[in-house]
Amino acid sequence: MKKEINRDEALSLLKEYNQDESLIRHALAVEAVMRHFATLFGEDVEKWGIIGLIHDLDYERYPEEHCSKVKEILMEEGWPEEYIHAVQSHGWGLCSEVEPVHRMEKVLYTIDELTGLITAAALVRPSKSLLDLEVKSVKKKWRDKAFAAGVNREV
């Protein structure tokens, strides 16, 4: 079992299993948000970021096994159980029975879908940027179930 995982290794593994640029951008966005919350809570920023980065590792290649195939992949790579459990728990109630228990897992579970919605809201703006995206715009898009329909708003 590896004791420490580094970001370069995680990013390389993510790209090995995912070629879709939008999925990679989503992973990078989730990583950034996880790092932010780790900082707010005084937690391990690197670990939280890496878990955010690889949370959808199995999604592109194994969509029907999302959140379960990742366990096999990460175990073969020697990743710690803590990372595996966290990644699996982000799909709780959707594609996984692994419940988020720890703060890090709960943050990942809640921000995954929201990050997707925020990104989609930015991409429909003329600037395609988060820099001028206002909270009221995101709230309006949240209420519009037809907008980014794939985003689960029940999480």
Protein backbone atom coordinates (compact mmCIF):
# COMPACT_ATOMS: atom_id res chain seq x y z
CA MET A 1 0.00 0.00 0.00
CA LYS A 2 1.36 3.40 -0.91
CA LYS A 3 1.64 5.73 2.03
CA GLU A 4 1.47 8.96 0.06
CA ILE A 5 -0.02 9.81 -3.31
CA ASN A 6 1.12 12.85 -5.24
CA ARG A 7 -0.88 15.06 -7.57
CA ASP A 8 1.20 14.31 -10.67
CA GLU A 9 0.53 10.61 -10.23
CA ALA A 10 -3.18 11.26 -9.71
CA LEU A 11 -3.43 13.50 -12.79
CA SER A 12 -1.58 10.95 -14.89
CA LEU A 13 -3.94 8.20 -13.74
CA LEU A 14 -6.97 10.41 -14.43
CA LYS A 15 -5.76 11.06 -17.99
CA GLU A 16 -5.03 7.36 -18.52
CA TYR A 17 -8.70 6.56 -17.91
CA ASN A 18 -10.29 9.76 -19.28
CA GLN A 19 -9.65 11.49 -22.59
CA ASP A 20 -12.76 13.70 -22.64
CA GLU A 21 -11.55 17.25 -22.00
CA SER A 22 -14.81 18.27 -20.30
CA LEU A 23 -14.43 15.44 -17.77
CA ILE A 24 -10.84 16.44 -17.10
CA ARG A 25 -11.88 20.09 -16.65
CA HIS A 26 -14.63 18.95 -14.27
CA ALA A 27 -12.09 16.95 -12.26
CA LEU A 28 -9.82 19.99 -12.07
CA ALA A 29 -12.73 22.16 -10.91
CA VAL A 30 -13.69 19.67 -8.20
CA GLU A 31 -10.04 19.47 -7.15
CA ALA A 32 -9.90 23.27 -6.77
CA VAL A 33 -13.09 23.39 -4.70
CA MET A 34 -11.89 20.52 -2.51
CA ARG A 35 -8.62 22.35 -1.89
CA HIS A 36 -10.57 25.47 -0.95
CA PHE A 37 -12.70 23.64 1.61
CA ALA A 38 -9.69 21.77 3.00
CA THR A 39 -8.08 25.14 3.63
CA LEU A 40 -11.25 26.49 5.29
CA PHE A 41 -11.46 23.46 7.57
CA GLY A 42 -7.72 23.25 8.31
CA GLU A 43 -7.46 19.84 6.63
CA ASP A 44 -4.87 18.22 4.36
CA VAL A 45 -5.18 20.33 1.20
CA GLU A 46 -3.14 17.96 -0.95
CA LYS A 47 -5.14 14.88 0.01
CA TRP A 48 -8.50 16.59 -0.43
CA GLY A 49 -7.39 17.98 -3.79
CA ILE A 50 -6.19 14.61 -5.07
CA ILE A 51 -9.44 12.94 -4.06
CA GLY A 52 -11.37 15.65 -5.88
CA LEU A 53 -9.16 15.19 -8.92
CA ILE A 54 -9.74 11.44 -9.23
CA HIS A 55 -13.35 11.26 -8.05
CA ASP A 56 -14.64 10.39 -11.56
CA LEU A 57 -11.65 8.25 -12.54
CA ASP A 58 -13.79 5.36 -13.80
CA TYR A 59 -16.61 7.42 -15.32
CA GLU A 60 -15.56 7.62 -18.97
CA ARG A 61 -14.24 4.11 -19.45
CA TYR A 62 -16.69 2.29 -17.17
CA PRO A 63 -19.87 4.41 -16.97
CA GLU A 64 -22.04 1.45 -15.93
CA GLU A 65 -19.60 0.64 -13.12
CA HIS A 66 -18.97 4.22 -11.98
CA CYS A 67 -17.96 4.36 -8.30
CA SER A 68 -17.36 0.61 -8.15
CA LYS A 69 -14.71 0.01 -10.82
CA VAL A 70 -12.64 2.78 -9.26
CA LYS A 71 -12.12 0.62 -6.16
CA GLU A 72 -10.53 -2.12 -8.25
CA ILE A 73 -8.37 0.36 -10.18
CA LEU A 74 -7.09 2.17 -7.10
CA MET A 75 -6.51 -1.05 -5.16
CA GLU A 76 -4.39 -2.38 -8.03
CA GLU A 77 -2.43 0.88 -7.95
CA GLY A 78 -1.89 0.50 -4.19
CA TRP A 79 -3.89 3.56 -3.13
CA PRO A 80 -4.90 3.89 0.53
CA GLU A 81 -8.37 2.68 1.54
CA GLU A 82 -9.21 6.17 2.82
CA TYR A 83 -8.89 7.58 -0.71
CA ILE A 84 -10.86 4.71 -2.22
CA HIS A 85 -13.73 5.04 0.27
CA ALA A 86 -13.90 8.81 -0.28
CA VAL A 87 -14.05 8.45 -4.07
CA GLN A 88 -16.70 5.74 -3.90
CA SER A 89 -18.82 7.73 -1.45
CA HIS A 90 -19.32 10.65 -3.83
CA GLY A 91 -21.86 8.52 -5.71
CA TRP A 92 -23.87 7.52 -2.65
CA GLY A 93 -27.51 6.96 -3.50
CA LEU A 94 -26.82 7.45 -7.20
CA CYS A 95 -24.34 4.78 -8.23
CA SER A 96 -22.82 3.65 -4.92
CA GLU A 97 -23.95 2.30 -1.58
CA VAL A 98 -20.83 3.70 0.10
CA GLU A 99 -22.08 6.48 2.36
CA PRO A 100 -20.03 9.62 2.91
CA VAL A 101 -19.07 9.61 6.59
CA HIS A 102 -16.11 11.94 7.05
CA ARG A 103 -16.13 15.68 6.43
CA MET A 104 -14.01 15.31 3.29
CA GLU A 105 -16.42 12.75 1.84
CA LYS A 106 -19.45 14.90 2.62
CA VAL A 107 -17.86 17.92 0.95
CA LEU A 108 -17.03 15.89 -2.16
CA TYR A 109 -20.55 14.46 -2.26
CA THR A 110 -22.14 17.91 -2.15
CA ILE A 111 -19.82 19.87 -4.41
CA ASP A 112 -19.53 17.38 -7.28
CA GLU A 113 -22.94 18.13 -8.78
CA LEU A 114 -22.85 21.81 -7.83
CA THR A 115 -19.48 22.26 -9.53
CA GLY A 116 -20.96 20.84 -12.72
CA LEU A 117 -23.89 23.24 -12.59
CA ILE A 118 -21.67 26.26 -11.93
CA THR A 119 -19.40 25.33 -14.84
CA ALA A 120 -22.39 24.91 -17.15
CA ALA A 121 -23.77 28.29 -16.00
CA ALA A 122 -20.45 29.95 -16.83
CA LEU A 123 -20.18 28.30 -20.24
CA VAL A 124 -23.50 29.75 -21.46
CA ARG A 125 -22.35 33.30 -20.69
CA PRO A 126 -20.75 35.37 -23.46
CA SER A 127 -17.45 35.45 -21.54
CA LYS A 128 -17.58 31.70 -20.75
CA SER A 129 -15.86 32.67 -17.52
CA LEU A 130 -16.46 32.18 -13.82
CA LEU A 131 -15.02 35.61 -13.14
CA ASP A 132 -18.21 37.47 -14.03
CA LEU A 133 -20.69 34.77 -12.99
CA GLU A 134 -23.02 36.03 -10.28
CA VAL A 135 -24.60 33.94 -7.53
CA LYS A 136 -28.09 35.02 -8.64
CA SER A 137 -27.40 33.54 -12.09
CA VAL A 138 -26.40 30.21 -10.56
CA LYS A 139 -29.50 30.19 -8.34
CA LYS A 140 -31.71 30.86 -11.37
CA LYS A 141 -30.06 28.03 -13.31
CA TRP A 142 -30.45 25.74 -10.28
CA ARG A 143 -34.21 26.24 -10.30
CA ASP A 144 -34.42 25.59 -14.06
CA LYS A 145 -34.55 21.77 -14.17
CA ALA A 146 -34.10 21.82 -17.97
CA PHE A 147 -30.74 23.58 -17.59
CA ALA A 148 -27.87 21.12 -17.13
CA ALA A 149 -30.50 18.40 -16.76
CA GLY A 150 -27.83 15.81 -15.95
CA VAL A 151 -26.98 17.60 -12.70
CA ASN A 152 -28.67 15.89 -9.78
CA ARG A 153 -30.27 18.62 -7.71
CA GLU A 154 -31.39 16.21 -4.97
CA VAL A 155 -27.90 15.79 -3.52
